[in-house]
Amino acid sequence: MKFAPIVQVRSRSAAQVLMVALRAHGFHPMEPREGGLPGVPNIFGPDGFVVEVPEDEVTDATLLATDLLKDMEASKT
């Protein structure tokens, strides 16, 4: 099964919240990991954790994850 990234967040706790929510909605996210490869700078962005799901779940999971991130950001203010 191939996985594809849907979002990247700076906080591991935010990545974990997203993963729990994705699982609760029937998606199958891979455990978060720091972007990049060992010995190579992060290839996805400056810092953070990449949340990935199977390729056939990317479209719907991206919609849910981006909406959840917006809600999480709005609750900070």
N, C-alpha and C. Protein backbone atom coordinates (compact mmCIF):
# COMPACT_ATOMS: atom_id res chain seq x y z
N MET A 1 0.85 -1.17 0.00
CA MET A 1 0.00 0.00 0.00
C MET A 1 0.90 1.23 0.00
N LYS A 2 0.65 2.15 -0.92
CA LYS A 2 1.42 3.39 -0.99
C LYS A 2 0.74 4.47 -0.18
N PHE A 3 1.56 5.24 0.52
CA PHE A 3 1.06 6.35 1.32
C PHE A 3 1.47 7.65 0.67
N ALA A 4 0.68 8.69 0.90
CA ALA A 4 0.97 10.02 0.37
C ALA A 4 0.77 11.05 1.48
N PRO A 5 1.60 12.09 1.51
CA PRO A 5 1.45 13.13 2.54
C PRO A 5 0.21 13.98 2.27
N ILE A 6 -0.48 14.35 3.35
CA ILE A 6 -1.65 15.22 3.20
C ILE A 6 -1.43 16.57 3.87
N VAL A 7 -0.73 16.59 5.00
CA VAL A 7 -0.41 17.85 5.68
C VAL A 7 0.92 17.69 6.41
N GLN A 8 1.49 18.83 6.74
CA GLN A 8 2.68 18.86 7.58
C GLN A 8 2.44 19.88 8.67
N VAL A 9 2.72 19.50 9.90
CA VAL A 9 2.52 20.40 11.03
C VAL A 9 3.81 20.47 11.83
N ARG A 10 4.01 21.58 12.51
CA ARG A 10 5.24 21.76 13.31
C ARG A 10 5.21 20.96 14.60
N SER A 11 4.05 20.80 15.17
CA SER A 11 3.91 20.19 16.49
C SER A 11 3.56 18.70 16.39
N ARG A 12 4.29 17.89 17.13
CA ARG A 12 3.98 16.46 17.17
C ARG A 12 2.60 16.24 17.78
N SER A 13 2.24 17.05 18.77
CA SER A 13 0.92 16.87 19.39
C SER A 13 -0.19 17.19 18.39
N ALA A 14 -0.01 18.19 17.54
CA ALA A 14 -1.00 18.49 16.52
C ALA A 14 -1.12 17.32 15.53
N ALA A 15 0.02 16.73 15.18
CA ALA A 15 0.00 15.57 14.28
C ALA A 15 -0.75 14.41 14.92
N GLN A 16 -0.56 14.21 16.22
CA GLN A 16 -1.25 13.13 16.91
C GLN A 16 -2.75 13.38 16.98
N VAL A 17 -3.15 14.62 17.22
CA VAL A 17 -4.58 14.96 17.24
C VAL A 17 -5.19 14.68 15.87
N LEU A 18 -4.49 15.09 14.82
CA LEU A 18 -4.99 14.84 13.47
C LEU A 18 -5.12 13.35 13.20
N MET A 19 -4.15 12.58 13.63
CA MET A 19 -4.20 11.14 13.39
C MET A 19 -5.37 10.48 14.11
N VAL A 20 -5.61 10.89 15.34
CA VAL A 20 -6.75 10.34 16.09
C VAL A 20 -8.06 10.67 15.38
N ALA A 21 -8.19 11.94 14.96
CA ALA A 21 -9.41 12.35 14.26
C ALA A 21 -9.57 11.61 12.94
N LEU A 22 -8.47 11.46 12.20
CA LEU A 22 -8.55 10.72 10.94
C LEU A 22 -8.98 9.28 11.17
N ARG A 23 -8.39 8.63 12.17
CA ARG A 23 -8.78 7.24 12.47
C ARG A 23 -10.25 7.16 12.88
N ALA A 24 -10.70 8.14 13.67
CA ALA A 24 -12.09 8.14 14.12
C ALA A 24 -13.06 8.27 12.95
N HIS A 25 -12.59 8.86 11.85
CA HIS A 25 -13.42 9.02 10.67
C HIS A 25 -13.19 7.93 9.63
N GLY A 26 -12.46 6.89 10.01
CA GLY A 26 -12.30 5.74 9.13
C GLY A 26 -11.08 5.76 8.21
N PHE A 27 -10.18 6.73 8.40
CA PHE A 27 -8.97 6.77 7.59
C PHE A 27 -7.87 5.96 8.26
N HIS A 28 -6.78 5.75 7.55
CA HIS A 28 -5.70 4.89 8.04
C HIS A 28 -4.36 5.60 7.96
N PRO A 29 -4.14 6.62 8.81
CA PRO A 29 -2.89 7.38 8.74
C PRO A 29 -1.69 6.56 9.23
N MET A 30 -0.54 6.86 8.63
CA MET A 30 0.72 6.27 9.06
C MET A 30 1.20 7.08 10.26
N GLU A 31 1.95 6.44 11.15
CA GLU A 31 2.48 7.16 12.30
C GLU A 31 3.28 8.36 11.82
N PRO A 32 3.17 9.50 12.53
CA PRO A 32 3.90 10.69 12.07
C PRO A 32 5.40 10.49 12.20
N ARG A 33 6.11 11.17 11.32
CA ARG A 33 7.56 11.12 11.38
C ARG A 33 8.07 12.49 10.99
N GLU A 34 9.29 12.78 11.38
CA GLU A 34 9.87 14.03 10.97
C GLU A 34 10.13 13.96 9.48
N GLY A 35 9.90 15.05 8.78
CA GLY A 35 10.12 15.07 7.34
C GLY A 35 11.58 14.90 7.00
N GLY A 36 11.85 14.51 5.78
CA GLY A 36 13.21 14.37 5.33
C GLY A 36 13.74 12.96 5.52
N LEU A 37 14.99 12.79 5.20
CA LEU A 37 15.66 11.51 5.31
C LEU A 37 16.83 11.65 6.28
N PRO A 38 17.31 10.55 6.85
CA PRO A 38 18.45 10.66 7.75
C PRO A 38 19.63 11.34 7.06
N GLY A 39 20.17 12.36 7.69
CA GLY A 39 21.31 13.07 7.14
C GLY A 39 20.99 14.06 6.04
N VAL A 40 19.71 14.20 5.70
CA VAL A 40 19.28 15.12 4.65
C VAL A 40 18.27 16.09 5.25
N PRO A 41 18.39 17.37 4.97
CA PRO A 41 17.40 18.31 5.50
C PRO A 41 15.99 17.93 5.08
N ASN A 42 15.04 18.38 5.84
CA ASN A 42 13.64 18.08 5.60
C ASN A 42 13.26 18.45 4.17
N ILE A 43 12.77 17.49 3.39
CA ILE A 43 12.44 17.75 2.00
C ILE A 43 11.02 18.30 1.82
N PHE A 44 10.21 18.28 2.89
CA PHE A 44 8.84 18.76 2.79
C PHE A 44 8.68 20.20 3.26
N GLY A 45 9.62 20.71 4.00
CA GLY A 45 9.50 22.05 4.52
C GLY A 45 10.53 22.27 5.60
N PRO A 46 10.48 23.41 6.25
CA PRO A 46 11.52 23.74 7.22
C PRO A 46 11.56 22.83 8.44
N ASP A 47 10.44 22.46 8.98
CA ASP A 47 10.36 21.61 10.18
C ASP A 47 9.01 20.95 10.22
N GLY A 48 8.89 19.96 11.09
CA GLY A 48 7.57 19.44 11.35
C GLY A 48 7.39 17.97 11.10
N PHE A 49 6.15 17.57 11.20
CA PHE A 49 5.75 16.18 11.09
C PHE A 49 4.78 16.04 9.93
N VAL A 50 5.02 15.04 9.12
CA VAL A 50 4.19 14.79 7.95
C VAL A 50 3.13 13.76 8.31
N VAL A 51 1.89 14.03 7.97
CA VAL A 51 0.81 13.07 8.16
C VAL A 51 0.51 12.47 6.80
N GLU A 52 0.57 11.14 6.72
CA GLU A 52 0.35 10.44 5.47
C GLU A 52 -0.79 9.45 5.60
N VAL A 53 -1.51 9.26 4.51
CA VAL A 53 -2.58 8.28 4.43
C VAL A 53 -2.41 7.48 3.14
N PRO A 54 -3.10 6.34 3.03
CA PRO A 54 -3.04 5.60 1.76
C PRO A 54 -3.50 6.48 0.60
N GLU A 55 -2.91 6.25 -0.56
CA GLU A 55 -3.21 7.10 -1.72
C GLU A 55 -4.69 7.21 -2.05
N ASP A 56 -5.45 6.14 -1.83
CA ASP A 56 -6.88 6.19 -2.17
C ASP A 56 -7.71 6.99 -1.16
N GLU A 57 -7.09 7.43 -0.07
CA GLU A 57 -7.79 8.23 0.94
C GLU A 57 -7.38 9.70 0.93
N VAL A 58 -6.44 10.06 0.07
CA VAL A 58 -5.83 11.39 0.11
C VAL A 58 -6.84 12.53 0.00
N THR A 59 -7.72 12.48 -0.96
CA THR A 59 -8.64 13.61 -1.21
C THR A 59 -9.52 13.89 0.00
N ASP A 60 -10.21 12.88 0.50
CA ASP A 60 -11.12 13.09 1.63
C ASP A 60 -10.36 13.38 2.92
N ALA A 61 -9.25 12.70 3.14
CA ALA A 61 -8.47 12.92 4.36
C ALA A 61 -7.88 14.33 4.39
N THR A 62 -7.49 14.84 3.23
CA THR A 62 -6.94 16.20 3.15
C THR A 62 -8.00 17.22 3.53
N LEU A 63 -9.21 17.03 3.05
CA LEU A 63 -10.31 17.95 3.41
C LEU A 63 -10.53 17.97 4.92
N LEU A 64 -10.59 16.80 5.51
CA LEU A 64 -10.81 16.72 6.96
C LEU A 64 -9.64 17.33 7.72
N ALA A 65 -8.43 16.98 7.34
CA ALA A 65 -7.24 17.48 8.06
C ALA A 65 -7.12 19.00 7.96
N THR A 66 -7.35 19.56 6.79
CA THR A 66 -7.23 21.02 6.66
C THR A 66 -8.32 21.74 7.44
N ASP A 67 -9.53 21.20 7.47
CA ASP A 67 -10.59 21.80 8.28
C ASP A 67 -10.25 21.72 9.77
N LEU A 68 -9.73 20.60 10.20
CA LEU A 68 -9.35 20.45 11.61
C LEU A 68 -8.22 21.41 11.97
N LEU A 69 -7.25 21.58 11.09
CA LEU A 69 -6.16 22.52 11.36
C LEU A 69 -6.68 23.95 11.47
N LYS A 70 -7.64 24.33 10.62
CA LYS A 70 -8.24 25.66 10.70
C LYS A 70 -8.92 25.86 12.05
N ASP A 71 -9.67 24.84 12.49
CA ASP A 71 -10.34 24.90 13.79
C ASP A 71 -9.34 25.00 14.93
N MET A 72 -8.24 24.25 14.83
CA MET A 72 -7.21 24.27 15.87
C MET A 72 -6.54 25.65 15.94
N GLU A 73 -6.28 26.25 14.79
CA GLU A 73 -5.68 27.59 14.75
C GLU A 73 -6.65 28.63 15.30
N ALA A 74 -7.93 28.50 14.95
CA ALA A 74 -8.93 29.47 15.43
C ALA A 74 -9.10 29.41 16.94
N SER A 75 -8.92 28.24 17.52
CA SER A 75 -9.10 28.09 18.96
C SER A 75 -7.91 28.69 19.74
N LYS A 76 -6.80 28.96 19.07
CA LYS A 76 -5.64 29.55 19.73
C LYS A 76 -5.84 31.03 20.01
N THR A 77 -6.69 31.66 19.23
CA THR A 77 -6.86 33.12 19.38
C THR A 77 -7.97 33.46 20.32
